[in-house]
Amino acid sequence: MHADDQVGEGAPAELAAFLQGAVDDRPVKIAPAVCGCGSRVFFVLVNASGAERECSGCGSRAFIADSGEYWNEESWEDDEPGAAGCP
């Protein structure tokens, strides 16, 4: 855990612990995802460049963290985004 970590109210403790252990001692900000329509259920597309969520309620899409800076068709040539699944 980094001294500058921020975990928002409503973020699952298990997810916070996993993400904090996965970032090489860099500060993280963890907050629950909520769409403008109020939904909290999302489909997630991932590749090596980043991640994007799609609301299961209204279909709107948003990049996760700084993924928008790296998410482009060039990065898909060797690594097309695929649906993420919970193990």
N, C-alpha and C. Protein backbone atom coordinates (compact mmCIF):
# COMPACT_ATOMS: atom_id res chain seq x y z
N MET A 1 0.84 -1.18 0.00
CA MET A 1 0.00 0.00 0.00
C MET A 1 0.88 1.24 0.00
N HIS A 2 0.54 2.19 -0.82
CA HIS A 2 1.29 3.44 -0.96
C HIS A 2 0.64 4.51 -0.08
N ALA A 3 1.42 5.39 0.47
CA ALA A 3 0.91 6.43 1.37
C ALA A 3 -0.10 7.34 0.69
N ASP A 4 -0.02 7.49 -0.65
CA ASP A 4 -0.92 8.38 -1.37
C ASP A 4 -2.12 7.66 -1.98
N ASP A 5 -2.33 6.38 -1.66
CA ASP A 5 -3.47 5.64 -2.20
C ASP A 5 -4.78 6.28 -1.75
N GLN A 6 -5.77 6.24 -2.65
CA GLN A 6 -7.11 6.72 -2.33
C GLN A 6 -8.10 5.63 -2.72
N VAL A 7 -8.89 5.19 -1.76
CA VAL A 7 -9.91 4.18 -2.02
C VAL A 7 -11.25 4.81 -1.71
N GLY A 8 -12.08 4.97 -2.74
CA GLY A 8 -13.37 5.61 -2.58
C GLY A 8 -14.38 4.75 -1.85
N GLU A 9 -15.36 5.42 -1.24
CA GLU A 9 -16.43 4.71 -0.54
C GLU A 9 -17.18 3.83 -1.53
N GLY A 10 -17.42 2.61 -1.15
CA GLY A 10 -18.14 1.68 -2.01
C GLY A 10 -17.25 0.80 -2.86
N ALA A 11 -15.94 1.07 -2.88
CA ALA A 11 -15.02 0.21 -3.63
C ALA A 11 -14.80 -1.08 -2.83
N PRO A 12 -14.97 -2.25 -3.47
CA PRO A 12 -14.79 -3.51 -2.74
C PRO A 12 -13.37 -3.65 -2.19
N ALA A 13 -13.26 -4.08 -0.95
CA ALA A 13 -11.95 -4.22 -0.29
C ALA A 13 -11.06 -5.21 -1.04
N GLU A 14 -11.64 -6.29 -1.57
CA GLU A 14 -10.86 -7.30 -2.30
C GLU A 14 -10.24 -6.70 -3.56
N LEU A 15 -11.02 -5.88 -4.27
CA LEU A 15 -10.52 -5.24 -5.48
C LEU A 15 -9.42 -4.24 -5.13
N ALA A 16 -9.62 -3.46 -4.09
CA ALA A 16 -8.61 -2.48 -3.67
C ALA A 16 -7.30 -3.18 -3.33
N ALA A 17 -7.38 -4.27 -2.57
CA ALA A 17 -6.16 -4.99 -2.19
C ALA A 17 -5.45 -5.56 -3.41
N PHE A 18 -6.21 -6.10 -4.36
CA PHE A 18 -5.61 -6.65 -5.58
C PHE A 18 -4.92 -5.56 -6.39
N LEU A 19 -5.60 -4.44 -6.62
CA LEU A 19 -5.02 -3.37 -7.42
C LEU A 19 -3.82 -2.73 -6.74
N GLN A 20 -3.87 -2.58 -5.44
CA GLN A 20 -2.75 -1.98 -4.73
C GLN A 20 -1.51 -2.87 -4.82
N GLY A 21 -1.69 -4.17 -4.89
CA GLY A 21 -0.56 -5.08 -5.00
C GLY A 21 -0.06 -5.24 -6.41
N ALA A 22 -0.78 -4.71 -7.39
CA ALA A 22 -0.43 -4.92 -8.79
C ALA A 22 0.23 -3.73 -9.47
N VAL A 23 0.53 -2.67 -8.75
CA VAL A 23 1.00 -1.44 -9.41
C VAL A 23 2.42 -1.03 -9.04
N ASP A 24 3.23 -1.94 -8.55
CA ASP A 24 4.64 -1.65 -8.29
C ASP A 24 4.88 -0.43 -7.42
N ASP A 25 4.16 -0.32 -6.31
CA ASP A 25 4.34 0.75 -5.33
C ASP A 25 4.09 2.15 -5.89
N ARG A 26 3.20 2.25 -6.87
CA ARG A 26 2.76 3.57 -7.34
C ARG A 26 1.43 3.89 -6.68
N PRO A 27 1.13 5.16 -6.42
CA PRO A 27 -0.15 5.49 -5.80
C PRO A 27 -1.31 5.14 -6.74
N VAL A 28 -2.41 4.69 -6.18
CA VAL A 28 -3.59 4.37 -6.97
C VAL A 28 -4.81 5.08 -6.40
N LYS A 29 -5.77 5.34 -7.28
CA LYS A 29 -7.06 5.88 -6.86
C LYS A 29 -8.10 4.88 -7.32
N ILE A 30 -8.85 4.35 -6.37
CA ILE A 30 -9.84 3.32 -6.67
C ILE A 30 -11.21 3.85 -6.29
N ALA A 31 -12.12 3.85 -7.26
CA ALA A 31 -13.48 4.33 -7.02
C ALA A 31 -14.45 3.41 -7.75
N PRO A 32 -15.64 3.22 -7.19
CA PRO A 32 -16.63 2.39 -7.87
C PRO A 32 -17.08 3.06 -9.17
N ALA A 33 -17.35 2.26 -10.20
CA ALA A 33 -17.81 2.78 -11.48
C ALA A 33 -19.33 2.90 -11.46
N VAL A 34 -19.81 4.07 -11.88
CA VAL A 34 -21.24 4.31 -11.99
C VAL A 34 -21.48 5.07 -13.29
N CYS A 35 -22.35 4.54 -14.13
CA CYS A 35 -22.68 5.20 -15.40
C CYS A 35 -23.62 6.38 -15.14
N GLY A 36 -23.72 7.27 -16.10
CA GLY A 36 -24.64 8.40 -16.01
C GLY A 36 -26.09 7.96 -15.89
N CYS A 37 -26.40 6.74 -16.37
CA CYS A 37 -27.78 6.23 -16.28
C CYS A 37 -28.04 5.59 -14.92
N GLY A 38 -26.99 5.50 -14.07
CA GLY A 38 -27.14 4.92 -12.74
C GLY A 38 -26.71 3.47 -12.64
N SER A 39 -26.46 2.82 -13.75
CA SER A 39 -26.05 1.41 -13.73
C SER A 39 -24.65 1.25 -13.15
N ARG A 40 -24.43 0.11 -12.50
CA ARG A 40 -23.12 -0.23 -11.95
C ARG A 40 -22.63 -1.55 -12.53
N VAL A 41 -23.22 -1.98 -13.65
CA VAL A 41 -22.85 -3.24 -14.29
C VAL A 41 -22.28 -2.92 -15.67
N PHE A 42 -21.07 -3.46 -15.94
CA PHE A 42 -20.36 -3.13 -17.18
C PHE A 42 -19.76 -4.37 -17.82
N PHE A 43 -19.63 -4.31 -19.14
CA PHE A 43 -18.81 -5.26 -19.88
C PHE A 43 -17.46 -4.56 -20.03
N VAL A 44 -16.36 -5.30 -20.02
CA VAL A 44 -15.04 -4.70 -20.11
C VAL A 44 -14.27 -5.33 -21.27
N LEU A 45 -13.70 -4.48 -22.13
CA LEU A 45 -12.82 -4.91 -23.21
C LEU A 45 -11.39 -4.58 -22.81
N VAL A 46 -10.48 -5.51 -23.00
CA VAL A 46 -9.09 -5.28 -22.63
C VAL A 46 -8.15 -5.79 -23.70
N ASN A 47 -6.99 -5.16 -23.79
CA ASN A 47 -5.83 -5.67 -24.51
C ASN A 47 -4.61 -5.13 -23.79
N ALA A 48 -3.44 -5.34 -24.34
CA ALA A 48 -2.22 -4.89 -23.67
C ALA A 48 -2.14 -3.37 -23.55
N SER A 49 -2.92 -2.64 -24.37
CA SER A 49 -2.87 -1.19 -24.37
C SER A 49 -3.77 -0.55 -23.34
N GLY A 50 -4.82 -1.25 -22.91
CA GLY A 50 -5.70 -0.62 -21.95
C GLY A 50 -7.01 -1.36 -21.78
N ALA A 51 -8.00 -0.63 -21.25
CA ALA A 51 -9.31 -1.21 -20.97
C ALA A 51 -10.39 -0.15 -21.19
N GLU A 52 -11.54 -0.63 -21.65
CA GLU A 52 -12.69 0.23 -21.88
C GLU A 52 -13.91 -0.49 -21.31
N ARG A 53 -14.82 0.25 -20.69
CA ARG A 53 -16.03 -0.35 -20.15
C ARG A 53 -17.23 0.07 -20.99
N GLU A 54 -18.22 -0.84 -21.06
CA GLU A 54 -19.48 -0.55 -21.76
C GLU A 54 -20.62 -0.84 -20.78
N CYS A 55 -21.47 0.13 -20.58
CA CYS A 55 -22.58 0.01 -19.63
C CYS A 55 -23.57 -1.03 -20.13
N SER A 56 -23.96 -1.96 -19.25
CA SER A 56 -24.93 -2.98 -19.64
C SER A 56 -26.34 -2.39 -19.70
N GLY A 57 -26.54 -1.23 -19.09
CA GLY A 57 -27.86 -0.60 -19.11
C GLY A 57 -28.14 0.21 -20.36
N CYS A 58 -27.23 1.14 -20.68
CA CYS A 58 -27.48 2.06 -21.80
C CYS A 58 -26.50 1.90 -22.96
N GLY A 59 -25.42 1.14 -22.76
CA GLY A 59 -24.46 0.91 -23.84
C GLY A 59 -23.40 1.98 -23.99
N SER A 60 -23.41 3.01 -23.15
CA SER A 60 -22.37 4.04 -23.27
C SER A 60 -21.02 3.43 -22.89
N ARG A 61 -19.95 4.01 -23.47
CA ARG A 61 -18.61 3.47 -23.26
C ARG A 61 -17.69 4.53 -22.67
N ALA A 62 -16.73 4.07 -21.88
CA ALA A 62 -15.75 4.97 -21.27
C ALA A 62 -14.45 4.22 -21.05
N PHE A 63 -13.35 4.91 -21.23
CA PHE A 63 -12.05 4.31 -20.97
C PHE A 63 -11.80 4.23 -19.47
N ILE A 64 -11.02 3.24 -19.08
CA ILE A 64 -10.67 3.05 -17.68
C ILE A 64 -9.26 3.61 -17.48
N ALA A 65 -9.11 4.44 -16.45
CA ALA A 65 -7.83 5.09 -16.11
C ALA A 65 -7.33 5.87 -17.33
N ASP A 66 -6.05 5.69 -17.72
CA ASP A 66 -5.48 6.43 -18.84
C ASP A 66 -5.51 5.65 -20.15
N SER A 67 -6.37 4.64 -20.25
CA SER A 67 -6.42 3.78 -21.43
C SER A 67 -6.71 4.55 -22.72
N GLY A 68 -7.46 5.63 -22.64
CA GLY A 68 -7.79 6.41 -23.83
C GLY A 68 -6.57 6.95 -24.55
N GLU A 69 -5.49 7.16 -23.81
CA GLU A 69 -4.26 7.68 -24.42
C GLU A 69 -3.58 6.63 -25.28
N TYR A 70 -3.86 5.35 -25.04
CA TYR A 70 -3.16 4.26 -25.72
C TYR A 70 -4.07 3.41 -26.59
N TRP A 71 -5.38 3.62 -26.51
CA TRP A 71 -6.37 2.77 -27.16
C TRP A 71 -6.58 3.28 -28.59
N ASN A 72 -6.05 2.58 -29.56
CA ASN A 72 -6.23 2.96 -30.95
C ASN A 72 -6.12 1.74 -31.84
N GLU A 73 -6.55 1.88 -33.10
CA GLU A 73 -6.56 0.73 -34.01
C GLU A 73 -5.16 0.20 -34.30
N GLU A 74 -4.14 1.05 -34.22
CA GLU A 74 -2.76 0.58 -34.41
C GLU A 74 -2.39 -0.45 -33.35
N SER A 75 -2.81 -0.20 -32.12
CA SER A 75 -2.47 -1.13 -31.04
C SER A 75 -3.23 -2.44 -31.17
N TRP A 76 -4.28 -2.47 -32.01
CA TRP A 76 -5.08 -3.68 -32.17
C TRP A 76 -4.49 -4.64 -33.19
N GLU A 77 -3.52 -4.18 -34.00
CA GLU A 77 -2.99 -5.03 -35.07
C GLU A 77 -2.52 -6.38 -34.55
N ASP A 78 -1.80 -6.40 -33.46
CA ASP A 78 -1.30 -7.65 -32.91
C ASP A 78 -2.05 -8.07 -31.65
N ASP A 79 -2.94 -7.22 -31.16
CA ASP A 79 -3.60 -7.51 -29.89
C ASP A 79 -4.99 -6.91 -29.88
N GLU A 80 -5.94 -7.53 -30.61
CA GLU A 80 -7.29 -7.02 -30.68
C GLU A 80 -7.98 -7.13 -29.31
N PRO A 81 -8.69 -6.08 -28.89
CA PRO A 81 -9.36 -6.13 -27.59
C PRO A 81 -10.35 -7.28 -27.50
N GLY A 82 -10.42 -7.87 -26.34
CA GLY A 82 -11.37 -8.95 -26.10
C GLY A 82 -12.12 -8.72 -24.81
N ALA A 83 -13.22 -9.42 -24.66
CA ALA A 83 -14.03 -9.28 -23.46
C ALA A 83 -13.32 -9.87 -22.25
N ALA A 84 -13.32 -9.14 -21.18
CA ALA A 84 -12.73 -9.63 -19.93
C ALA A 84 -13.78 -10.46 -19.20
N GLY A 85 -13.31 -11.42 -18.44
CA GLY A 85 -14.22 -12.25 -17.66
C GLY A 85 -13.70 -12.44 -16.27
N CYS A 86 -14.60 -12.61 -15.34
CA CYS A 86 -14.20 -12.85 -13.95
C CYS A 86 -13.89 -14.32 -13.78
N PRO A 87 -12.73 -14.67 -13.26
CA PRO A 87 -12.36 -16.09 -13.17
C PRO A 87 -13.22 -16.88 -12.21
